[in-house]
PDB file of N, CA and C in Angstrom:
ATOM      1  N   UNK A   1     -17.896  15.755  -6.504  1.00  0.00           N
ATOM      2  CA  UNK A   1     -17.627  14.436  -6.641  1.00  0.00           C
ATOM      3  C   UNK A   1     -16.183  13.996  -5.860  1.00  0.00           C
ATOM      4  N   UNK A   2     -15.581  13.804  -5.239  1.00  0.00           N
ATOM      5  CA  UNK A   2     -14.058  13.038  -4.980  1.00  0.00           C
ATOM      6  C   UNK A   2     -14.034  11.983  -5.078  1.00  0.00           C
ATOM      7  N   UNK A   3     -12.858  11.982  -6.054  1.00  0.00           N
ATOM      8  CA  UNK A   3     -12.618  10.375  -6.253  1.00  0.00           C
ATOM      9  C   UNK A   3     -11.995   9.454  -5.354  1.00  0.00           C
ATOM     10  N   UNK A   4     -12.306   8.446  -4.914  1.00  0.00           N
ATOM     11  CA  UNK A   4     -12.305   7.622  -3.437  1.00  0.00           C
ATOM     12  C   UNK A   4     -11.041   6.980  -3.910  1.00  0.00           C
ATOM     13  N   UNK A   5     -10.514   6.643  -5.017  1.00  0.00           N
ATOM     14  CA  UNK A   5      -9.174   6.340  -4.907  1.00  0.00           C
ATOM     15  C   UNK A   5      -8.426   7.195  -4.877  1.00  0.00           C
ATOM     16  N   UNK A   6      -8.495   8.518  -5.435  1.00  0.00           N
ATOM     17  CA  UNK A   6      -7.277   9.839  -5.018  1.00  0.00           C
ATOM     18  C   UNK A   6      -7.304   9.777  -3.373  1.00  0.00           C
ATOM     19  N   UNK A   7      -8.376   9.579  -2.978  1.00  0.00           N
ATOM     20  CA  UNK A   7      -8.651  10.264  -1.493  1.00  0.00           C
ATOM     21  C   UNK A   7      -7.342   8.721  -0.676  1.00  0.00           C
ATOM     22  N   UNK A   8      -7.783   7.754  -1.097  1.00  0.00           N
ATOM     23  CA  UNK A   8      -6.843   6.527  -0.662  1.00  0.00           C
ATOM     24  C   UNK A   8      -5.614   6.762  -0.923  1.00  0.00           C
ATOM     25  N   UNK A   9      -5.349   7.211  -2.109  1.00  0.00           N
ATOM     26  CA  UNK A   9      -3.605   7.407  -2.116  1.00  0.00           C
ATOM     27  C   UNK A   9      -3.095   8.670  -1.923  1.00  0.00           C
ATOM     28  N   UNK A  10      -3.687   9.941  -1.348  1.00  0.00           N
ATOM     29  CA  UNK A  10      -3.120  10.568  -0.690  1.00  0.00           C
ATOM     30  C   UNK A  10      -3.399  10.596   0.611  1.00  0.00           C
ATOM     31  N   UNK A  11      -3.898  10.040   1.359  1.00  0.00           N
ATOM     32  CA  UNK A  11      -4.209   8.951   2.273  1.00  0.00           C
ATOM     33  C   UNK A  11      -2.685   8.064   2.643  1.00  0.00           C
ATOM     34  N   UNK A  12      -2.336   7.418   1.355  1.00  0.00           N
ATOM     35  CA  UNK A  12      -1.242   6.692   1.951  1.00  0.00           C
ATOM     36  C   UNK A  12       0.347   7.706   1.811  1.00  0.00           C
ATOM     37  N   UNK A  13      -0.010   8.084   0.488  1.00  0.00           N
ATOM     38  CA  UNK A  13       1.096   9.419   0.956  1.00  0.00           C
ATOM     39  C   UNK A  13       1.376  10.383   2.471  1.00  0.00           C
ATOM     40  N   UNK A  14       0.417  10.338   2.823  1.00  0.00           N
ATOM     41  CA  UNK A  14       0.814  11.340   3.929  1.00  0.00           C
ATOM     42  C   UNK A  14       1.212  10.463   5.143  1.00  0.00           C
ATOM     43  N   UNK A  15       0.580   8.763   4.958  1.00  0.00           N
ATOM     44  CA  UNK A  15       1.445   8.188   5.917  1.00  0.00           C
ATOM     45  C   UNK A  15       3.041   7.914   5.436  1.00  0.00           C
ATOM     46  N   UNK A  16       3.617   7.350   4.291  1.00  0.00           N
ATOM     47  CA  UNK A  16       4.626   7.635   3.967  1.00  0.00           C
ATOM     48  C   UNK A  16       5.813   8.547   4.348  1.00  0.00           C
ATOM     49  N   UNK A  17       5.015   9.786   4.224  1.00  0.00           N
ATOM     50  CA  UNK A  17       6.084  11.283   4.122  1.00  0.00           C
ATOM     51  C   UNK A  17       5.906  10.935   5.676  1.00  0.00           C
ATOM     52  N   UNK A  18       5.755  10.853   6.725  1.00  0.00           N
ATOM     53  CA  UNK A  18       5.592  11.168   7.772  1.00  0.00           C
ATOM     54  C   UNK A  18       5.853   9.278   8.262  1.00  0.00           C
ATOM     55  N   UNK A  19       6.319   8.528   7.829  1.00  0.00           N
ATOM     56  CA  UNK A  19       7.288   7.593   7.818  1.00  0.00           C
ATOM     57  C   UNK A  19       8.599   8.016   7.793  1.00  0.00           C
ATOM     58  N   UNK A  20       8.985   8.295   6.621  1.00  0.00           N
ATOM     59  CA  UNK A  20      10.216   9.057   6.039  1.00  0.00           C
ATOM     60  C   UNK A  20      10.659   9.932   7.023  1.00  0.00           C
ATOM     61  N   UNK A  21      10.252  10.829   7.104  1.00  0.00           N
ATOM     62  CA  UNK A  21      10.100  12.182   7.766  1.00  0.00           C
ATOM     63  C   UNK A  21      11.168  11.588   8.959  1.00  0.00           C
ATOM     64  N   UNK A  22      10.216  10.406  10.401  1.00  0.00           N
ATOM     65  CA  UNK A  22      10.162  10.155  11.504  1.00  0.00           C
ATOM     66  C   UNK A  22      11.613   9.222  11.482  1.00  0.00           C
ATOM     67  N   UNK A  23      12.301   8.073   9.998  1.00  0.00           N
ATOM     68  CA  UNK A  23      13.187   7.510   9.726  1.00  0.00           C
ATOM     69  C   UNK A  23      14.356   8.432  10.184  1.00  0.00           C
ATOM     70  N   UNK A  24      14.037   9.670   8.731  1.00  0.00           N
ATOM     71  CA  UNK A  24      15.306  10.548   8.353  1.00  0.00           C
ATOM     72  C   UNK A  24      15.535  11.058   9.535  1.00  0.00           C
ATOM     73  N   UNK A  25      14.948  10.781  10.867  1.00  0.00           N
ATOM     74  CA  UNK A  25      15.832  10.981  12.472  1.00  0.00           C
ATOM     75  C   UNK A  25      16.400  10.252  13.290  1.00  0.00           C
ATOM     76  N   UNK A  26      16.323   9.684  13.038  1.00  0.00           N
ATOM     77  CA  UNK A  26      16.833   8.743  13.368  1.00  0.00           C
ATOM     78  C   UNK A  26      18.537   8.518  13.714  1.00  0.00           C
ATOM     79  N   UNK A  27      19.075   8.721  14.661  1.00  0.00           N
ATOM     80  CA  UNK A  27      20.633   9.280  14.254  1.00  0.00           C
ATOM     81  C   UNK A  27      21.770   7.471  14.172  1.00  0.00           C
ATOM     82  N   UNK A  28      23.022   8.309  13.664  1.00  0.00           N
ATOM     83  CA  UNK A  28      24.018   7.357  13.246  1.00  0.00           C
ATOM     84  C   UNK A  28      24.284   6.714  14.883  1.00  0.00           C
ATOM     85  N   UNK A  29      24.614   5.542  14.586  1.00  0.00           N
ATOM     86  CA  UNK A  29      24.886   4.477  15.637  1.00  0.00           C
ATOM     87  C   UNK A  29      23.506   4.224  16.281  1.00  0.00           C
ATOM     88  N   UNK A  30      21.943   4.069  15.514  1.00  0.00           N
ATOM     89  CA  UNK A  30      21.024   4.026  17.047  1.00  0.00           C
ATOM     90  C   UNK A  30      20.231   3.861  16.063  1.00  0.00           C
ATOM     91  N   UNK A  31      19.056   2.330  16.804  1.00  0.00           N
ATOM     92  CA  UNK A  31      18.143   1.873  15.430  1.00  0.00           C
ATOM     93  C   UNK A  31      16.831   1.829  16.476  1.00  0.00           C
ATOM     94  N   UNK A  32      16.179   1.536  15.789  1.00  0.00           N
ATOM     95  CA  UNK A  32      14.248   1.701  15.860  1.00  0.00           C
ATOM     96  C   UNK A  32      14.013   0.409  15.582  1.00  0.00           C
ATOM     97  N   UNK A  33      13.141  -0.753  16.049  1.00  0.00           N
ATOM     98  CA  UNK A  33      11.950  -1.447  15.757  1.00  0.00           C
ATOM     99  C   UNK A  33      10.808  -1.066  14.614  1.00  0.00           C
ATOM    100  N   UNK A  34      10.292  -1.764  14.032  1.00  0.00           N
ATOM    101  CA  UNK A  34       9.158  -1.015  12.616  1.00  0.00           C
ATOM    102  C   UNK A  34       8.320  -0.824  13.460  1.00  0.00           C
ATOM    103  N   UNK A  35       8.034  -1.565  14.550  1.00  0.00           N
ATOM    104  CA  UNK A  35       6.970  -1.179  15.639  1.00  0.00           C
ATOM    105  C   UNK A  35       6.950   0.510  16.376  1.00  0.00           C
ATOM    106  N   UNK A  36       8.018   0.221  16.591  1.00  0.00           N
ATOM    107  CA  UNK A  36       8.611   1.855  17.284  1.00  0.00           C
ATOM    108  C   UNK A  36       8.693   2.946  16.337  1.00  0.00           C
ATOM    109  N   UNK A  37       8.795   2.533  15.203  1.00  0.00           N
ATOM    110  CA  UNK A  37       8.878   3.553  14.301  1.00  0.00           C
ATOM    111  C   UNK A  37       7.228   3.975  13.945  1.00  0.00           C
ATOM    112  N   UNK A  38       6.892   2.980  13.722  1.00  0.00           N
ATOM    113  CA  UNK A  38       5.596   2.794  13.216  1.00  0.00           C
ATOM    114  C   UNK A  38       4.799   4.102  14.760  1.00  0.00           C
ATOM    115  N   UNK A  39       5.323   4.777  15.713  1.00  0.00           N
ATOM    116  CA  UNK A  39       4.410   4.815  16.161  1.00  0.00           C
ATOM    117  C   UNK A  39       4.494   5.907  16.635  1.00  0.00           C
ATOM    118  N   UNK A  40       6.034   6.606  16.800  1.00  0.00           N
ATOM    119  CA  UNK A  40       6.662   7.470  16.018  1.00  0.00           C
ATOM    120  C   UNK A  40       6.003   8.539  15.432  1.00  0.00           C
ATOM    121  N   UNK A  41       5.832   7.597  14.180  1.00  0.00           N
ATOM    122  CA  UNK A  41       5.645   8.675  12.622  1.00  0.00           C
ATOM    123  C   UNK A  41       4.119   9.055  13.293  1.00  0.00           C
ATOM    124  N   UNK A  42       3.295   8.676  14.041  1.00  0.00           N
ATOM    125  CA  UNK A  42       2.339   8.518  14.287  1.00  0.00           C
ATOM    126  C   UNK A  42       1.143   7.825  14.217  1.00  0.00           C
ATOM    127  N   UNK A  43       1.570   6.645  13.194  1.00  0.00           N
ATOM    128  CA  UNK A  43       0.828   5.870  12.318  1.00  0.00           C
ATOM    129  C   UNK A  43      -0.112   4.437  13.040  1.00  0.00           C
ATOM    130  N   UNK A  44       0.220   4.602  14.716  1.00  0.00           N
ATOM    131  CA  UNK A  44       0.032   3.293  15.460  1.00  0.00           C
ATOM    132  C   UNK A  44       0.745   2.642  15.311  1.00  0.00           C
ATOM    133  N   UNK A  45      -0.278   1.071  15.054  1.00  0.00           N
ATOM    134  CA  UNK A  45       0.066  -0.265  15.404  1.00  0.00           C
ATOM    135  C   UNK A  45       0.137  -0.315  13.924  1.00  0.00           C
ATOM    136  N   UNK A  46       1.955  -0.274  13.599  1.00  0.00           N
ATOM    137  CA  UNK A  46       1.440  -0.617  11.469  1.00  0.00           C
ATOM    138  C   UNK A  46       2.741  -1.191  11.309  1.00  0.00           C
ATOM    139  N   UNK A  47       3.397  -1.621  12.259  1.00  0.00           N
ATOM    140  CA  UNK A  47       4.615  -2.740  12.563  1.00  0.00           C
ATOM    141  C   UNK A  47       5.383  -3.584  11.055  1.00  0.00           C
ATOM    142  N   UNK A  48       3.870  -3.675  10.186  1.00  0.00           N
ATOM    143  CA  UNK A  48       4.083  -5.366   8.803  1.00  0.00           C
ATOM    144  C   UNK A  48       4.010  -4.052   7.899  1.00  0.00           C
ATOM    145  N   UNK A  49       3.160  -3.319   8.041  1.00  0.00           N
ATOM    146  CA  UNK A  49       3.073  -1.799   6.848  1.00  0.00           C
ATOM    147  C   UNK A  49       4.134  -0.978   6.792  1.00  0.00           C
ATOM    148  N   UNK A  50       4.914  -1.048   8.055  1.00  0.00           N
ATOM    149  CA  UNK A  50       6.406   0.194   7.981  1.00  0.00           C
ATOM    150  C   UNK A  50       6.955  -0.829   6.933  1.00  0.00           C
ATOM    151  N   UNK A  51       7.187  -2.165   7.772  1.00  0.00           N
ATOM    152  CA  UNK A  51       8.193  -3.136   6.909  1.00  0.00           C
ATOM    153  C   UNK A  51       7.997  -3.093   5.353  1.00  0.00           C
ATOM    154  N   UNK A  52       6.637  -3.886   5.031  1.00  0.00           N
ATOM    155  CA  UNK A  52       6.387  -3.444   3.475  1.00  0.00           C
ATOM    156  C   UNK A  52       7.077  -2.410   3.136  1.00  0.00           C
ATOM    157  N   UNK A  53       6.389  -1.154   3.265  1.00  0.00           N
ATOM    158  CA  UNK A  53       7.247   0.094   3.166  1.00  0.00           C
ATOM    159  C   UNK A  53       8.401   0.321   2.559  1.00  0.00           C
ATOM    160  N   UNK A  54       9.249  -0.155   3.794  1.00  0.00           N
ATOM    161  CA  UNK A  54      10.455  -0.125   3.589  1.00  0.00           C
ATOM    162  C   UNK A  54      11.439  -0.726   2.738  1.00  0.00           C
ATOM    163  N   UNK A  55      10.387  -1.893   2.899  1.00  0.00           N
ATOM    164  CA  UNK A  55      10.908  -2.979   1.383  1.00  0.00           C
ATOM    165  C   UNK A  55      11.114  -2.494  -0.082  1.00  0.00           C
ATOM    166  N   UNK A  56      10.277  -1.439  -0.444  1.00  0.00           N
ATOM    167  CA  UNK A  56       9.737  -0.793  -1.630  1.00  0.00           C
ATOM    168  C   UNK A  56      10.621   0.215  -1.669  1.00  0.00           C
ATOM    169  N   UNK A  57      11.744   1.074  -1.068  1.00  0.00           N
ATOM    170  CA  UNK A  57      12.208   2.032  -1.568  1.00  0.00           C
ATOM    171  C   UNK A  57      13.144   1.822  -2.455  1.00  0.00           C
ATOM    172  N   UNK A  58      13.887   3.182  -3.248  1.00  0.00           N
ATOM    173  CA  UNK A  58      14.689   2.740  -4.469  1.00  0.00           C
ATOM    174  C   UNK A  58      15.753   2.286  -3.232  1.00  0.00           C
ATOM    175  N   UNK A  59      16.649   1.449  -4.366  1.00  0.00           N
ATOM    176  CA  UNK A  59      18.001   1.226  -3.323  1.00  0.00           C
ATOM    177  C   UNK A  59      19.076   2.511  -3.699  1.00  0.00           C
ATOM    178  N   UNK A  60      18.935   3.900  -4.118  1.00  0.00           N
ATOM    179  CA  UNK A  60      19.990   4.190  -3.721  1.00  0.00           C
ATOM    180  C   UNK A  60      18.954   5.444  -2.844  1.00  0.00           C
ATOM    181  N   UNK A  61      18.425   5.111  -1.892  1.00  0.00           N
ATOM    182  CA  UNK A  61      17.245   5.756  -1.309  1.00  0.00           C
ATOM    183  C   UNK A  61      18.823   6.774  -0.149  1.00  0.00           C
ATOM    184  N   UNK A  62      18.853   7.878   0.621  1.00  0.00           N
ATOM    185  CA  UNK A  62      18.904   8.077   1.186  1.00  0.00           C
ATOM    186  C   UNK A  62      18.334   8.153   2.893  1.00  0.00           C
ATOM    187  N   UNK A  63      17.328   7.197   3.025  1.00  0.00           N
ATOM    188  CA  UNK A  63      16.909   7.299   4.287  1.00  0.00           C
ATOM    189  C   UNK A  63      17.472   5.680   5.332  1.00  0.00           C
ATOM    190  N   UNK A  64      18.066   5.785   6.196  1.00  0.00           N
ATOM    191  CA  UNK A  64      18.713   5.145   7.067  1.00  0.00           C
ATOM    192  C   UNK A  64      18.082   3.660   6.880  1.00  0.00           C
ATOM    193  N   UNK A  65      17.316   3.354   6.101  1.00  0.00           N
ATOM    194  CA  UNK A  65      16.680   1.581   6.441  1.00  0.00           C
ATOM    195  C   UNK A  65      17.425   0.823   7.281  1.00  0.00           C
ATOM    196  N   UNK A  66      18.277   0.941   7.564  1.00  0.00           N
ATOM    197  CA  UNK A  66      19.264  -0.181   8.020  1.00  0.00           C
ATOM    198  C   UNK A  66      18.719  -0.050   9.091  1.00  0.00           C
ATOM    199  N   UNK A  67      19.020   1.038  10.191  1.00  0.00           N
ATOM    200  CA  UNK A  67      18.630   1.305  11.430  1.00  0.00           C
ATOM    201  C   UNK A  67      16.925   1.004  12.042  1.00  0.00           C
ATOM    202  N   UNK A  68      16.584   0.257  10.835  1.00  0.00           N
ATOM    203  CA  UNK A  68      15.323  -0.274  11.569  1.00  0.00           C
ATOM    204  C   UNK A  68      14.903  -2.152  11.334  1.00  0.00           C
ATOM    205  N   UNK A  69      15.024  -2.246  12.919  1.00  0.00           N
ATOM    206  CA  UNK A  69      15.251  -3.408  13.224  1.00  0.00           C
ATOM    207  C   UNK A  69      13.775  -4.178  13.774  1.00  0.00           C
ATOM    208  N   UNK A  70      13.346  -5.775  13.957  1.00  0.00           N
ATOM    209  CA  UNK A  70      12.391  -6.290  14.193  1.00  0.00           C
ATOM    210  C   UNK A  70      12.411  -6.174  15.153  1.00  0.00           C
ATOM    211  N   UNK A  71      10.891  -6.243  16.451  1.00  0.00           N
ATOM    212  CA  UNK A  71      11.470  -6.327  17.555  1.00  0.00           C
ATOM    213  C   UNK A  71      11.987  -7.068  17.958  1.00  0.00           C
ATOM    214  N   UNK A  72      12.452  -6.536  19.374  1.00  0.00           N
ATOM    215  CA  UNK A  72      14.052  -7.279  20.670  1.00  0.00           C
ATOM    216  C   UNK A  72      15.558  -7.412  19.870  1.00  0.00           C
ATOM    217  N   UNK A  73      15.512  -6.211  18.707  1.00  0.00           N
ATOM    218  CA  UNK A  73      16.525  -5.547  18.319  1.00  0.00           C
ATOM    219  C   UNK A  73      16.865  -7.023  17.242  1.00  0.00           C
ATOM    220  N   UNK A  74      16.194  -7.797  16.530  1.00  0.00           N
ATOM    221  CA  UNK A  74      16.015  -8.682  15.511  1.00  0.00           C
ATOM    222  C   UNK A  74      16.570  -8.467  14.062  1.00  0.00           C
ATOM    223  N   UNK A  75      17.687  -8.831  13.431  1.00  0.00           N
ATOM    224  CA  UNK A  75      17.557  -8.481  12.290  1.00  0.00           C
ATOM    225  C   UNK A  75      16.376  -8.963  11.187  1.00  0.00           C
ATOM    226  N   UNK A  76      15.251  -8.449  10.432  1.00  0.00           N
ATOM    227  CA  UNK A  76      14.519  -9.164   9.859  1.00  0.00           C
ATOM    228  C   UNK A  76      14.858  -9.636   8.388  1.00  0.00           C
ATOM    229  N   UNK A  77      15.867  -8.973   7.594  1.00  0.00           N
ATOM    230  CA  UNK A  77      16.643  -9.433   6.597  1.00  0.00           C
ATOM    231  C   UNK A  77      17.473 -10.613   6.435  1.00  0.00           C
ATOM    232  N   UNK A  78      17.579 -11.629   6.096  1.00  0.00           N
ATOM    233  CA  UNK A  78      18.102 -12.763   5.893  1.00  0.00           C
ATOM    234  C   UNK A  78      19.420 -12.850   5.328  1.00  0.00           C
ATOM    235  N   UNK A  79      20.410 -13.328   6.145  1.00  0.00           N
ATOM    236  CA  UNK A  79      22.233 -13.092   6.384  1.00  0.00           C
ATOM    237  C   UNK A  79      21.766 -14.115   4.475  1.00  0.00           C
ATOM    238  N   UNK A  80      23.187 -13.160   4.072  1.00  0.00           N
ATOM    239  CA  UNK A  80      23.116 -14.133   2.640  1.00  0.00           C
ATOM    240  C   UNK A  80      22.956 -13.591   2.196  1.00  0.00           C
ATOM    241  N   UNK A  81      21.986 -12.749   2.465  1.00  0.00           N
ATOM    242  CA  UNK A  81      20.786 -11.966   1.228  1.00  0.00           C
ATOM    243  C   UNK A  81      21.811 -10.608   0.766  1.00  0.00           C
ATOM    244  N   UNK A  82      21.644 -10.076  -1.003  1.00  0.00           N
ATOM    245  CA  UNK A  82      22.818  -8.825  -0.611  1.00  0.00           C
ATOM    246  C   UNK A  82      21.744  -7.789   0.307  1.00  0.00           C
ATOM    247  N   UNK A  83      20.574  -7.282   0.406  1.00  0.00           N
ATOM    248  CA  UNK A  83      20.215  -6.222   1.613  1.00  0.00           C
ATOM    249  C   UNK A  83      20.350  -6.937   3.026  1.00  0.00           C
ATOM    250  N   UNK A  84      20.162  -7.995   3.064  1.00  0.00           N
ATOM    251  CA  UNK A  84      20.345  -8.751   4.304  1.00  0.00           C
ATOM    252  C   UNK A  84      22.058  -8.439   5.239  1.00  0.00           C
ATOM    253  N   UNK A  85      23.296  -8.573   4.095  1.00  0.00           N
ATOM    254  CA  UNK A  85      24.428  -8.192   4.128  1.00  0.00           C
ATOM    255  C   UNK A  85      24.705  -6.727   4.535  1.00  0.00           C
ATOM    256  N   UNK A  86      24.107  -5.803   3.455  1.00  0.00           N
ATOM    257  CA  UNK A  86      24.423  -4.560   3.433  1.00  0.00           C
ATOM    258  C   UNK A  86      23.800  -3.856   4.786  1.00  0.00           C
ATOM    259  N   UNK A  87      22.724  -4.234   5.296  1.00  0.00           N
ATOM    260  CA  UNK A  87      22.145  -4.297   6.665  1.00  0.00           C
ATOM    261  C   UNK A  87      23.121  -4.432   7.605  1.00  0.00           C
ATOM    262  N   UNK A  88      24.110  -5.770   7.817  1.00  0.00           N
ATOM    263  CA  UNK A  88      24.665  -5.434   8.988  1.00  0.00           C
ATOM    264  C   UNK A  88      25.849  -4.906   8.974  1.00  0.00           C
ATOM    265  N   UNK A  89      25.969  -4.867   7.167  1.00  0.00           N
ATOM    266  CA  UNK A  89      27.863  -4.202   7.502  1.00  0.00           C
ATOM    267  C   UNK A  89      27.831  -2.397   7.397  1.00  0.00           C
ATOM    268  N   UNK A  90      26.561  -1.763   6.925  1.00  0.00           N
ATOM    269  CA  UNK A  90      26.088  -0.249   7.363  1.00  0.00           C
ATOM    270  C   UNK A  90      26.724  -0.561   8.943  1.00  0.00           C
ATOM    271  N   UNK A  91      25.425  -1.314   9.946  1.00  0.00           N
ATOM    272  CA  UNK A  91      25.265  -0.766  10.937  1.00  0.00           C
ATOM    273  C   UNK A  91      26.822  -1.066  11.674  1.00  0.00           C
ATOM    274  N   UNK A  92      27.904  -2.466  11.289  1.00  0.00           N
ATOM    275  CA  UNK A  92      28.792  -2.430  11.741  1.00  0.00           C
ATOM    276  C   UNK A  92      29.630  -1.178  11.497  1.00  0.00           C
ATOM    277  N   UNK A  93      29.385  -0.162  10.638  1.00  0.00           N
ATOM    278  CA  UNK A  93      30.339   0.598  10.039  1.00  0.00           C
ATOM    279  C   UNK A  93      29.771   1.927  11.259  1.00  0.00           C
ATOM    280  N   UNK A  94      28.788   2.141  11.929  1.00  0.00           N
ATOM    281  CA  UNK A  94      28.318   2.835  12.374  1.00  0.00           C
ATOM    282  C   UNK A  94      28.633   2.284  14.557  1.00  0.00           C
ATOM    283  N   UNK A  95      29.191   1.243  14.373  1.00  0.00           N
ATOM    284  CA  UNK A  95      29.449   1.042  15.371  1.00  0.00           C
ATOM    285  C   UNK A  95      28.474   0.118  16.469  1.00  0.00           C
ATOM    286  N   UNK A  96      27.665  -0.561  15.496  1.00  0.00           N
ATOM    287  CA  UNK A  96      26.099  -1.071  16.889  1.00  0.00           C
ATOM    288  C   UNK A  96      26.912  -2.633  16.093  1.00  0.00           C
ATOM    289  N   UNK A  97      26.837  -3.322  17.237  1.00  0.00           N
ATOM    290  CA  UNK A  97      27.447  -4.468  17.141  1.00  0.00           C
ATOM    291  C   UNK A  97      26.640  -5.745  16.999  1.00  0.00           C
ATOM    292  N   UNK A  98      26.809  -6.502  15.851  1.00  0.00           N
ATOM    293  CA  UNK A  98      25.121  -7.629  15.671  1.00  0.00           C
ATOM    294  C   UNK A  98      25.873  -8.784  16.847  1.00  0.00           C
ATOM    295  N   UNK A  99      24.846  -9.551  17.061  1.00  0.00           N
ATOM    296  CA  UNK A  99      25.855 -10.848  17.957  1.00  0.00           C
ATOM    297  C   UNK A  99      24.421 -12.087  17.328  1.00  0.00           C
ATOM    298  N   UNK A 100      24.543 -12.644  16.957  1.00  0.00           N
ATOM    299  CA  UNK A 100      23.168 -13.779  16.862  1.00  0.00           C
ATOM    300  C   UNK A 100      22.046 -12.987  16.283  1.00  0.00           C
ATOM    301  N   UNK A 101      22.612 -12.337  15.210  1.00  0.00           N
ATOM    302  CA  UNK A 101      21.953 -11.447  14.299  1.00  0.00           C
ATOM    303  C   UNK A 101      20.761 -10.538  14.803  1.00  0.00           C
ATOM    304  N   UNK A 102      21.784  -9.942  16.137  1.00  0.00           N
ATOM    305  CA  UNK A 102      20.317  -8.948  17.211  1.00  0.00           C
ATOM    306  C   UNK A 102      21.149  -8.046  17.519  1.00  0.00           C
ATOM    307  N   UNK A 103      20.821  -7.195  17.817  1.00  0.00           N
ATOM    308  CA  UNK A 103      21.394  -5.681  18.473  1.00  0.00           C
ATOM    309  C   UNK A 103      21.081  -5.822  19.833  1.00  0.00           C
ATOM    310  N   UNK A 104      21.735  -5.091  20.246  1.00  0.00           N
ATOM    311  CA  UNK A 104      21.372  -4.608  21.968  1.00  0.00           C
ATOM    312  C   UNK A 104      20.290  -3.658  22.321  1.00  0.00           C
ATOM    313  N   UNK A 105      19.133  -3.721  21.906  1.00  0.00           N
ATOM    314  CA  UNK A 105      18.931  -2.419  21.924  1.00  0.00           C
ATOM    315  C   UNK A 105      18.362  -1.580  23.186  1.00  0.00           C
ATOM    316  N   UNK A 106      18.845  -2.246  24.642  1.00  0.00           N
ATOM    317  CA  UNK A 106      18.981  -1.054  25.405  1.00  0.00           C
ATOM    318  C   UNK A 106      20.533  -0.139  25.341  1.00  0.00           C
ATOM    319  N   UNK A 107      20.840  -0.999  24.457  1.00  0.00           N
ATOM    320  CA  UNK A 107      22.266   0.315  24.284  1.00  0.00           C
ATOM    321  C   UNK A 107      22.282   0.792  23.222  1.00  0.00           C
ATOM    322  N   UNK A 108      22.017   0.409  22.266  1.00  0.00           N
ATOM    323  CA  UNK A 108      21.757   1.232  20.681  1.00  0.00           C
ATOM    324  C   UNK A 108      20.292   1.480  19.997  1.00  0.00           C
ATOM    325  N   UNK A 109      19.269   1.679  21.182  1.00  0.00           N
ATOM    326  CA  UNK A 109      17.819   1.834  20.815  1.00  0.00           C
ATOM    327  C   UNK A 109      18.122   3.487  21.129  1.00  0.00           C
ATOM    328  N   UNK A 110      16.632   3.979  19.928  1.00  0.00           N
ATOM    329  CA  UNK A 110      16.912   5.652  19.442  1.00  0.00           C
ATOM    330  C   UNK A 110      15.547   5.891  21.053  1.00  0.00           C
ATOM    331  N   UNK A 111      16.004   6.356  21.468  1.00  0.00           N
ATOM    332  CA  UNK A 111      14.457   7.050  22.399  1.00  0.00           C
ATOM    333  C   UNK A 111      14.837   8.766  21.936  1.00  0.00           C
ATOM    334  N   UNK A 112      13.713   8.870  21.431  1.00  0.00           N
ATOM    335  CA  UNK A 112      13.639  10.420  21.042  1.00  0.00           C
ATOM    336  C   UNK A 112      13.519  10.931  22.346  1.00  0.00           C
ATOM    337  N   UNK A 113      13.895  12.623  22.220  1.00  0.00           N
ATOM    338  CA  UNK A 113      13.387  13.119  23.520  1.00  0.00           C
ATOM    339  C   UNK A 113      11.518  13.325  23.277  1.00  0.00           C
ATOM    340  N   UNK A 114      10.742  13.066  24.408  1.00  0.00           N
ATOM    341  CA  UNK A 114       9.327  13.036  24.409  1.00  0.00           C
ATOM    342  C   UNK A 114       9.475  14.564  24.743  1.00  0.00           C
ATOM    343  N   UNK A 115       8.002  15.319  23.801  1.00  0.00           N
ATOM    344  CA  UNK A 115       8.074  16.779  24.143  1.00  0.00           C
ATOM    345  C   UNK A 115       6.998  16.886  25.144  1.00  0.00           C
ATOM    346  N   UNK A 116       6.869  17.248  25.811  1.00  0.00           N
ATOM    347  CA  UNK A 116       6.547  17.327  26.992  1.00  0.00           C
ATOM    348  C   UNK A 116       5.299  18.717  26.926  1.00  0.00           C
ATOM    349  N   UNK A 117       3.804  19.111  26.742  1.00  0.00           N
ATOM    350  CA  UNK A 117       2.939  20.488  26.125  1.00  0.00           C
ATOM    351  C   UNK A 117       2.718  20.950  27.350  1.00  0.00           C
TER     352      UNK A 117
END
């Protein structure tokens, strides 16, 4: 008999791995939305899950979590919080302009090349 909790764990691990490997590809100076990242990782409409999962990353992660934004380029992390301030600082370091708590998605949005088969 297979253990259903083990199956759920491995499914969650597969989803996280897909998310992390996609996030790792977002280049410096580019941003994606939570929803776009979910879609690119093959997770469908899972923007909230992406946000929750990224919020649980260890503080020393090498993944570029700061390049993930809310819909329309909105920075989800509040001003004045350590993670929010760090996100804004990292984005500015990469040459991304933050105005009114938003990033210009037209200018800085990551559009990976579609692979047509």
